[in-house]
Amino acid sequence: MHRNKVVSREDWFQAHKAHLAREKELTRLRERICTERRELPWLKIRKDYVFETEQGPKKLADLFAGNSQLIVYHFMFGPGCNHHCEGCSFLADHIDGANRHLRHHDVSLVVISRAPLAELLPYKQRMGWKFDWVSSYASDFNFDMQVSFTDKQIAAGDTTYNFEARPRTSKELPGTSVFYREENGDIFLTFMSRARGGEALIGTYDYLDMTPKGRNETGPYHGLMDWVRLHDEYGDRSGAQETCCD
């Protein structure tokens, strides 16, 4: 690793003080963007989606669990998938800690995948996760949220993801969708984040970004696939797959 310039305490202080001004600019910009996000238009949900849960079939309204706001993480796990996505699992490792606070602040958080519940639960148990993980297998939910694609869509190049229409090969992709439920029962899609937008939910990256080596993603993919493993597999694998459930 290249070592940075070593300077006197005074020069070190002044350099870091100057950098702090840039950090504050980023913080203020982020606050402005968050405000703009909350002012974006909403889309009314008109379908009556039903999900398979550990407590039996539930509608989208039931997933709010008494709160007015719902965050859904779309975990890449299609029917019959025999590979566990390292990226989605990496993010999922950060959910339970936050969820203890979210549920007491008018926010419910649910993880949704298209695989049947019987395929999801053994992996959830293996990973020791406590969050609610439900299946959308029997509904169009994943397709309408543009995180799952049929063979026909892929063959035709009809695959819109992250507000961009271009040919894709993956049947499942990750993302986050946010919903609001009014007292009269109407539900609205208020925001969606796809692709690298999920990094905001991965606190490990914030720790790494403070270190001298940073994320140190220097392998063939130049991303988390270079180093992230399932949390019970570190030291047990020699490589990672580029995509999940292609």
C-alpha atoms as a PDB file:
ATOM      1  CA  MET A   1       0.000   0.000   0.000  1.00  0.00           C
ATOM      2  CA  HIS A   2       1.253   3.488  -0.871  1.00  0.00           C
ATOM      3  CA  ARG A   3       1.838   5.571   2.259  1.00  0.00           C
ATOM      4  CA  ASN A   4       0.555   9.140   2.190  1.00  0.00           C
ATOM      5  CA  LYS A   5       2.716  12.148   2.937  1.00  0.00           C
ATOM      6  CA  VAL A   6       3.693  12.459   6.607  1.00  0.00           C
ATOM      7  CA  VAL A   7       3.630  16.051   7.912  1.00  0.00           C
ATOM      8  CA  SER A   8       3.879  18.074  11.093  1.00  0.00           C
ATOM      9  CA  ARG A   9       0.974  18.197  13.550  1.00  0.00           C
ATOM     10  CA  GLU A  10       0.075  21.741  12.424  1.00  0.00           C
ATOM     11  CA  ASP A  11       0.055  20.834   8.733  1.00  0.00           C
ATOM     12  CA  TRP A  12      -1.960  17.696   9.535  1.00  0.00           C
ATOM     13  CA  PHE A  13      -4.496  19.794  11.483  1.00  0.00           C
ATOM     14  CA  GLN A  14      -4.918  22.356   8.689  1.00  0.00           C
ATOM     15  CA  ALA A  15      -5.300  19.704   5.990  1.00  0.00           C
ATOM     16  CA  HIS A  16      -7.958  17.829   7.931  1.00  0.00           C
ATOM     17  CA  LYS A  17      -9.742  21.049   8.842  1.00  0.00           C
ATOM     18  CA  ALA A  18      -9.926  21.985   5.148  1.00  0.00           C
ATOM     19  CA  HIS A  19     -11.267  18.541   4.324  1.00  0.00           C
ATOM     20  CA  LEU A  20     -13.923  18.891   7.029  1.00  0.00           C
ATOM     21  CA  ALA A  21     -15.391  21.796   5.081  1.00  0.00           C
ATOM     22  CA  ARG A  22     -15.908  19.437   2.137  1.00  0.00           C
ATOM     23  CA  GLU A  23     -17.474  16.822   4.412  1.00  0.00           C
ATOM     24  CA  LYS A  24     -19.932  19.453   5.649  1.00  0.00           C
ATOM     25  CA  GLU A  25     -20.798  20.346   2.044  1.00  0.00           C
ATOM     26  CA  LEU A  26     -21.629  16.691   1.423  1.00  0.00           C
ATOM     27  CA  THR A  27     -23.774  16.512   4.572  1.00  0.00           C
ATOM     28  CA  ARG A  28     -25.762  19.608   3.582  1.00  0.00           C
ATOM     29  CA  LEU A  29     -26.184  18.336   0.012  1.00  0.00           C
ATOM     30  CA  ARG A  30     -27.434  15.014   1.321  1.00  0.00           C
ATOM     31  CA  GLU A  31     -29.960  16.803   3.548  1.00  0.00           C
ATOM     32  CA  ARG A  32     -31.231  18.795   0.554  1.00  0.00           C
ATOM     33  CA  ILE A  33     -31.555  15.655  -1.562  1.00  0.00           C
ATOM     34  CA  CYS A  34     -33.444  13.892   1.251  1.00  0.00           C
ATOM     35  CA  THR A  35     -35.843  16.831   1.421  1.00  0.00           C
ATOM     36  CA  GLU A  36     -36.346  16.684  -2.359  1.00  0.00           C
ATOM     37  CA  ARG A  37     -36.958  12.930  -2.078  1.00  0.00           C
ATOM     38  CA  ARG A  38     -39.780  13.464   0.403  1.00  0.00           C
ATOM     39  CA  GLU A  39     -41.377  15.930  -2.033  1.00  0.00           C
ATOM     40  CA  LEU A  40     -41.434  13.521  -4.999  1.00  0.00           C
ATOM     41  CA  PRO A  41     -44.859  12.529  -6.431  1.00  0.00           C
ATOM     42  CA  TRP A  42     -46.522   9.305  -5.299  1.00  0.00           C
ATOM     43  CA  LEU A  43     -47.976   6.411  -7.294  1.00  0.00           C
ATOM     44  CA  LYS A  44     -51.192   4.795  -6.052  1.00  0.00           C
ATOM     45  CA  ILE A  45     -51.054   1.007  -5.731  1.00  0.00           C
ATOM     46  CA  ARG A  46     -54.176  -0.429  -7.334  1.00  0.00           C
ATOM     47  CA  LYS A  47     -53.414  -4.168  -7.271  1.00  0.00           C
ATOM     48  CA  ASP A  48     -54.332  -6.354  -4.321  1.00  0.00           C
ATOM     49  CA  TYR A  49     -51.029  -8.196  -3.886  1.00  0.00           C
ATOM     50  CA  VAL A  50     -50.933 -11.275  -1.651  1.00  0.00           C
ATOM     51  CA  PHE A  51     -47.741 -12.642  -0.079  1.00  0.00           C
ATOM     52  CA  GLU A  52     -46.817 -15.941   1.541  1.00  0.00           C
ATOM     53  CA  THR A  53     -45.621 -15.328   5.104  1.00  0.00           C
ATOM     54  CA  GLU A  54     -44.795 -17.408   8.153  1.00  0.00           C
ATOM     55  CA  GLN A  55     -48.205 -16.419   9.542  1.00  0.00           C
ATOM     56  CA  GLY A  56     -50.068 -17.351   6.359  1.00  0.00           C
ATOM     57  CA  PRO A  57     -51.216 -15.296   3.348  1.00  0.00           C
ATOM     58  CA  LYS A  58     -51.047 -11.533   3.831  1.00  0.00           C
ATOM     59  CA  LYS A  59     -51.933  -8.570   1.664  1.00  0.00           C
ATOM     60  CA  LEU A  60     -49.611  -5.617   1.119  1.00  0.00           C
ATOM     61  CA  ALA A  61     -51.609  -3.604   3.664  1.00  0.00           C
ATOM     62  CA  ASP A  62     -50.927  -6.263   6.304  1.00  0.00           C
ATOM     63  CA  LEU A  63     -47.161  -5.893   5.870  1.00  0.00           C
ATOM     64  CA  PHE A  64     -47.391  -2.386   7.350  1.00  0.00           C
ATOM     65  CA  ALA A  65     -48.113  -4.084  10.713  1.00  0.00           C
ATOM     66  CA  GLY A  66     -49.977  -1.071  12.056  1.00  0.00           C
ATOM     67  CA  ASN A  67     -47.468   1.532  10.872  1.00  0.00           C
ATOM     68  CA  SER A  68     -48.118   4.046   8.101  1.00  0.00           C
ATOM     69  CA  GLN A  69     -44.774   3.545   6.344  1.00  0.00           C
ATOM     70  CA  LEU A  70     -43.288   0.403   4.837  1.00  0.00           C
ATOM     71  CA  ILE A  71     -39.799  -0.237   3.498  1.00  0.00           C
ATOM     72  CA  VAL A  72     -39.367  -3.291   1.276  1.00  0.00           C
ATOM     73  CA  TYR A  73     -35.972  -4.711   0.436  1.00  0.00           C
ATOM     74  CA  HIS A  74     -36.058  -6.822  -2.717  1.00  0.00           C
ATOM     75  CA  PHE A  75     -33.654  -9.693  -2.036  1.00  0.00           C
ATOM     76  CA  MET A  76     -32.387 -11.508  -5.163  1.00  0.00           C
ATOM     77  CA  PHE A  77     -33.762 -15.001  -4.581  1.00  0.00           C
ATOM     78  CA  GLY A  78     -35.781 -16.497  -7.407  1.00  0.00           C
ATOM     79  CA  PRO A  79     -37.635 -19.826  -7.398  1.00  0.00           C
ATOM     80  CA  GLY A  80     -35.208 -22.739  -7.425  1.00  0.00           C
ATOM     81  CA  CYS A  81     -32.163 -20.509  -7.029  1.00  0.00           C
ATOM     82  CA  ASN A  82     -29.222 -22.536  -5.699  1.00  0.00           C
ATOM     83  CA  HIS A  83     -26.913 -19.560  -5.173  1.00  0.00           C
ATOM     84  CA  HIS A  84     -27.209 -17.151  -2.260  1.00  0.00           C
ATOM     85  CA  CYS A  85     -26.481 -13.594  -3.358  1.00  0.00           C
ATOM     86  CA  GLU A  86     -23.523 -12.242  -1.389  1.00  0.00           C
ATOM     87  CA  GLY A  87     -24.509  -8.623  -2.040  1.00  0.00           C
ATOM     88  CA  CYS A  88     -28.091  -8.989  -0.816  1.00  0.00           C
ATOM     89  CA  SER A  89     -26.872 -11.030   2.153  1.00  0.00           C
ATOM     90  CA  PHE A  90     -24.299  -8.345   2.978  1.00  0.00           C
ATOM     91  CA  LEU A  91     -27.048  -5.728   3.074  1.00  0.00           C
ATOM     92  CA  ALA A  92     -29.401  -8.035   4.985  1.00  0.00           C
ATOM     93  CA  ASP A  93     -26.788  -8.416   7.735  1.00  0.00           C
ATOM     94  CA  HIS A  94     -27.428  -4.727   8.537  1.00  0.00           C
ATOM     95  CA  ILE A  95     -31.226  -4.901   8.797  1.00  0.00           C
ATOM     96  CA  ASP A  96     -31.994  -6.342  12.224  1.00  0.00           C
ATOM     97  CA  GLY A  97     -30.160  -3.692  14.223  1.00  0.00           C
ATOM     98  CA  ALA A  98     -31.913  -0.837  12.417  1.00  0.00           C
ATOM     99  CA  ASN A  99     -35.248  -2.636  12.468  1.00  0.00           C
ATOM    100  CA  ARG A 100     -35.388  -2.585  16.264  1.00  0.00           C
ATOM    101  CA  HIS A 101     -35.618   1.200  16.027  1.00  0.00           C
ATOM    102  CA  LEU A 102     -37.644   1.560  12.817  1.00  0.00           C
ATOM    103  CA  ARG A 103     -40.634  -0.385  14.122  1.00  0.00           C
ATOM    104  CA  HIS A 104     -40.903   2.137  16.974  1.00  0.00           C
ATOM    105  CA  HIS A 105     -40.807   5.096  14.579  1.00  0.00           C
ATOM    106  CA  ASP A 106     -43.859   4.332  12.419  1.00  0.00           C
ATOM    107  CA  VAL A 107     -41.839   2.267   9.913  1.00  0.00           C
ATOM    108  CA  SER A 108     -42.136  -1.426   9.116  1.00  0.00           C
ATOM    109  CA  LEU A 109     -39.430  -3.198   7.130  1.00  0.00           C
ATOM    110  CA  VAL A 110     -40.003  -6.411   5.198  1.00  0.00           C
ATOM    111  CA  VAL A 111     -37.716  -8.381   2.895  1.00  0.00           C
ATOM    112  CA  ILE A 112     -39.460  -9.801  -0.176  1.00  0.00           C
ATOM    113  CA  SER A 113     -38.250 -12.383  -2.682  1.00  0.00           C
ATOM    114  CA  ARG A 114     -39.992 -14.319  -5.431  1.00  0.00           C
ATOM    115  CA  ALA A 115     -38.881 -17.775  -4.281  1.00  0.00           C
ATOM    116  CA  PRO A 116     -41.492 -19.750  -2.319  1.00  0.00           C
ATOM    117  CA  LEU A 117     -41.331 -19.322   1.441  1.00  0.00           C
ATOM    118  CA  ALA A 118     -40.138 -22.908   1.911  1.00  0.00           C
ATOM    119  CA  GLU A 119     -36.971 -21.999  -0.011  1.00  0.00           C
ATOM    120  CA  LEU A 120     -36.379 -18.748   1.888  1.00  0.00           C
ATOM    121  CA  LEU A 121     -36.775 -19.852   5.491  1.00  0.00           C
ATOM    122  CA  PRO A 122     -33.901 -22.370   5.707  1.00  0.00           C
ATOM    123  CA  TYR A 123     -31.458 -19.721   4.522  1.00  0.00           C
ATOM    124  CA  LYS A 124     -32.927 -17.159   6.921  1.00  0.00           C
ATOM    125  CA  GLN A 125     -32.416 -19.615   9.777  1.00  0.00           C
ATOM    126  CA  ARG A 126     -28.858 -20.378   8.669  1.00  0.00           C
ATOM    127  CA  MET A 127     -27.988 -16.664   8.646  1.00  0.00           C
ATOM    128  CA  GLY A 128     -29.680 -16.002  11.982  1.00  0.00           C
ATOM    129  CA  TRP A 129     -31.770 -13.143  10.644  1.00  0.00           C
ATOM    130  CA  LYS A 130     -34.882 -12.027  12.539  1.00  0.00           C
ATOM    131  CA  PHE A 131     -36.544  -9.696  10.017  1.00  0.00           C
ATOM    132  CA  ASP A 132     -39.763 -10.675   8.235  1.00  0.00           C
ATOM    133  CA  TRP A 133     -38.986 -12.354   4.911  1.00  0.00           C
ATOM    134  CA  VAL A 134     -41.989 -13.074   2.708  1.00  0.00           C
ATOM    135  CA  SER A 135     -42.575 -14.534  -0.750  1.00  0.00           C
ATOM    136  CA  SER A 136     -44.227 -12.752  -3.658  1.00  0.00           C
ATOM    137  CA  TYR A 137     -44.253 -15.926  -5.767  1.00  0.00           C
ATOM    138  CA  ALA A 138     -48.043 -15.949  -6.234  1.00  0.00           C
ATOM    139  CA  SER A 139     -48.331 -12.298  -7.321  1.00  0.00           C
ATOM    140  CA  ASP A 140     -47.008  -9.817  -9.888  1.00  0.00           C
ATOM    141  CA  PHE A 141     -45.406  -7.698  -7.176  1.00  0.00           C
ATOM    142  CA  ASN A 142     -41.750  -8.240  -8.127  1.00  0.00           C
ATOM    143  CA  PHE A 143     -42.477  -7.774 -11.820  1.00  0.00           C
ATOM    144  CA  ASP A 144     -44.463  -4.589 -11.197  1.00  0.00           C
ATOM    145  CA  MET A 145     -41.634  -3.262  -9.015  1.00  0.00           C
ATOM    146  CA  GLN A 146     -39.236  -4.012 -11.898  1.00  0.00           C
ATOM    147  CA  VAL A 147     -36.899  -6.227  -9.884  1.00  0.00           C
ATOM    148  CA  SER A 148     -37.908  -9.534 -11.537  1.00  0.00           C
ATOM    149  CA  PHE A 149     -38.184 -10.341 -15.222  1.00  0.00           C
ATOM    150  CA  THR A 150     -39.743 -13.172 -17.207  1.00  0.00           C
ATOM    151  CA  ASP A 151     -37.896 -15.175 -19.847  1.00  0.00           C
ATOM    152  CA  LYS A 152     -40.073 -13.457 -22.432  1.00  0.00           C
ATOM    153  CA  GLN A 153     -39.088  -9.999 -21.190  1.00  0.00           C
ATOM    154  CA  ILE A 154     -35.409 -10.890 -21.206  1.00  0.00           C
ATOM    155  CA  ALA A 155     -35.611 -12.356 -24.717  1.00  0.00           C
ATOM    156  CA  ALA A 156     -37.342  -9.203 -25.966  1.00  0.00           C
ATOM    157  CA  GLY A 157     -35.014  -6.838 -24.114  1.00  0.00           C
ATOM    158  CA  ASP A 158     -38.063  -5.474 -22.284  1.00  0.00           C
ATOM    159  CA  THR A 159     -36.290  -5.024 -18.956  1.00  0.00           C
ATOM    160  CA  THR A 160     -36.568  -1.656 -17.227  1.00  0.00           C
ATOM    161  CA  TYR A 161     -34.522  -1.340 -14.044  1.00  0.00           C
ATOM    162  CA  ASN A 162     -33.442   1.745 -12.117  1.00  0.00           C
ATOM    163  CA  PHE A 163     -35.486   3.902 -14.521  1.00  0.00           C
ATOM    164  CA  GLU A 164     -33.441   2.654 -17.479  1.00  0.00           C
ATOM    165  CA  ALA A 165     -34.686   0.372 -20.245  1.00  0.00           C
ATOM    166  CA  ARG A 166     -31.954  -1.825 -21.691  1.00  0.00           C
ATOM    167  CA  PRO A 167     -31.365  -5.531 -22.350  1.00  0.00           C
ATOM    168  CA  ARG A 168     -30.495  -7.582 -19.259  1.00  0.00           C
ATOM    169  CA  THR A 169     -29.806 -11.230 -18.536  1.00  0.00           C
ATOM    170  CA  SER A 170     -30.631 -11.498 -14.816  1.00  0.00           C
ATOM    171  CA  LYS A 171     -34.108 -12.636 -13.851  1.00  0.00           C
ATOM    172  CA  GLU A 172     -33.759 -11.100 -10.371  1.00  0.00           C
ATOM    173  CA  LEU A 173     -32.224  -7.784  -9.309  1.00  0.00           C
ATOM    174  CA  PRO A 174     -32.037  -6.017  -5.932  1.00  0.00           C
ATOM    175  CA  GLY A 175     -33.642  -2.820  -4.744  1.00  0.00           C
ATOM    176  CA  THR A 176     -35.604  -0.955  -2.105  1.00  0.00           C
ATOM    177  CA  SER A 177     -39.171   0.310  -2.401  1.00  0.00           C
ATOM    178  CA  VAL A 178     -40.982   2.571   0.058  1.00  0.00           C
ATOM    179  CA  PHE A 179     -44.746   2.746   0.596  1.00  0.00           C
ATOM    180  CA  TYR A 180     -47.183   4.901   2.558  1.00  0.00           C
ATOM    181  CA  ARG A 181     -50.616   3.825   3.784  1.00  0.00           C
ATOM    182  CA  GLU A 182     -53.281   6.397   4.508  1.00  0.00           C
ATOM    183  CA  GLU A 183     -55.894   5.955   7.215  1.00  0.00           C
ATOM    184  CA  ASN A 184     -58.535   5.133   4.567  1.00  0.00           C
ATOM    185  CA  GLY A 185     -56.398   2.210   3.402  1.00  0.00           C
ATOM    186  CA  ASP A 186     -55.011   3.694   0.195  1.00  0.00           C
ATOM    187  CA  ILE A 187     -51.399   2.673  -0.425  1.00  0.00           C
ATOM    188  CA  PHE A 188     -48.845   4.632  -2.413  1.00  0.00           C
ATOM    189  CA  LEU A 189     -45.390   3.892  -3.785  1.00  0.00           C
ATOM    190  CA  THR A 190     -43.398   6.936  -2.633  1.00  0.00           C
ATOM    191  CA  PHE A 191     -39.813   6.066  -3.568  1.00  0.00           C
ATOM    192  CA  MET A 192     -37.663   3.360  -5.091  1.00  0.00           C
ATOM    193  CA  SER A 193     -33.917   2.847  -5.026  1.00  0.00           C
ATOM    194  CA  ARG A 194     -32.101   0.366  -7.227  1.00  0.00           C
ATOM    195  CA  ALA A 195     -28.544  -0.753  -8.080  1.00  0.00           C
ATOM    196  CA  ARG A 196     -25.935   1.134  -6.025  1.00  0.00           C
ATOM    197  CA  GLY A 197     -28.659   2.992  -4.166  1.00  0.00           C
ATOM    198  CA  GLY A 198     -28.606   0.069  -1.756  1.00  0.00           C
ATOM    199  CA  GLU A 199     -25.162   1.087  -0.500  1.00  0.00           C
ATOM    200  CA  ALA A 200     -26.858   3.651   1.737  1.00  0.00           C
ATOM    201  CA  LEU A 201     -28.180   0.711   3.795  1.00  0.00           C
ATOM    202  CA  ILE A 202     -24.773  -0.936   4.259  1.00  0.00           C
ATOM    203  CA  GLY A 203     -23.125   0.576   7.321  1.00  0.00           C
ATOM    204  CA  THR A 204     -19.954  -1.492   6.833  1.00  0.00           C
ATOM    205  CA  TYR A 205     -19.120   0.677   3.838  1.00  0.00           C
ATOM    206  CA  ASP A 206     -19.222   3.806   6.009  1.00  0.00           C
ATOM    207  CA  TYR A 207     -16.652   2.246   8.321  1.00  0.00           C
ATOM    208  CA  LEU A 208     -14.439   1.210   5.403  1.00  0.00           C
ATOM    209  CA  ASP A 209     -14.675   4.637   3.784  1.00  0.00           C
ATOM    210  CA  MET A 210     -12.950   6.106   6.868  1.00  0.00           C
ATOM    211  CA  THR A 211      -9.961   3.765   6.636  1.00  0.00           C
ATOM    212  CA  PRO A 212      -6.689   4.286   4.726  1.00  0.00           C
ATOM    213  CA  LYS A 213      -7.424   1.436   2.309  1.00  0.00           C
ATOM    214  CA  GLY A 214     -11.085   2.388   1.891  1.00  0.00           C
ATOM    215  CA  ARG A 215     -13.264  -0.316   0.399  1.00  0.00           C
ATOM    216  CA  ASN A 216     -10.184  -1.972  -1.111  1.00  0.00           C
ATOM    217  CA  GLU A 217     -12.239  -3.505  -3.899  1.00  0.00           C
ATOM    218  CA  THR A 218      -9.360  -4.175  -6.253  1.00  0.00           C
ATOM    219  CA  GLY A 219     -10.310  -7.537  -7.712  1.00  0.00           C
ATOM    220  CA  PRO A 220     -11.764  -8.380 -11.117  1.00  0.00           C
ATOM    221  CA  TYR A 221     -15.206  -6.860 -10.438  1.00  0.00           C
ATOM    222  CA  HIS A 222     -14.098  -3.689  -8.606  1.00  0.00           C
ATOM    223  CA  GLY A 223     -17.043  -4.021  -6.263  1.00  0.00           C
ATOM    224  CA  LEU A 224     -18.278  -5.971  -3.275  1.00  0.00           C
ATOM    225  CA  MET A 225     -18.111  -9.235  -5.216  1.00  0.00           C
ATOM    226  CA  ASP A 226     -14.323  -9.006  -4.923  1.00  0.00           C
ATOM    227  CA  TRP A 227     -14.349  -9.673  -1.195  1.00  0.00           C
ATOM    228  CA  VAL A 228     -17.759  -9.998   0.434  1.00  0.00           C
ATOM    229  CA  ARG A 229     -18.739 -13.514   1.492  1.00  0.00           C
ATOM    230  CA  LEU A 230     -21.714 -14.873   3.383  1.00  0.00           C
ATOM    231  CA  HIS A 231     -20.926 -14.081   6.991  1.00  0.00           C
ATOM    232  CA  ASP A 232     -20.474 -17.747   7.861  1.00  0.00           C
ATOM    233  CA  GLU A 233     -18.184 -18.467   4.894  1.00  0.00           C
ATOM    234  CA  TYR A 234     -15.210 -16.132   5.331  1.00  0.00           C
ATOM    235  CA  GLY A 235     -12.065 -18.126   4.698  1.00  0.00           C
ATOM    236  CA  ASP A 236     -14.012 -20.994   3.154  1.00  0.00           C
ATOM    237  CA  ARG A 237     -14.347 -19.819  -0.438  1.00  0.00           C
ATOM    238  CA  SER A 238     -11.870 -18.982  -3.170  1.00  0.00           C
ATOM    239  CA  GLY A 239     -14.112 -16.890  -5.391  1.00  0.00           C
ATOM    240  CA  ALA A 240     -17.495 -15.265  -5.914  1.00  0.00           C
ATOM    241  CA  GLN A 241     -20.030 -15.360  -8.684  1.00  0.00           C
ATOM    242  CA  GLU A 242     -20.693 -12.195 -10.619  1.00  0.00           C
ATOM    243  CA  THR A 243     -24.463 -12.463 -10.701  1.00  0.00           C
ATOM    244  CA  CYS A 244     -27.248 -14.337  -8.947  1.00  0.00           C
ATOM    245  CA  CYS A 245     -29.920 -16.485 -10.554  1.00  0.00           C
ATOM    246  CA  ASP A 246     -29.148 -15.528 -14.164  1.00  0.00           C
END
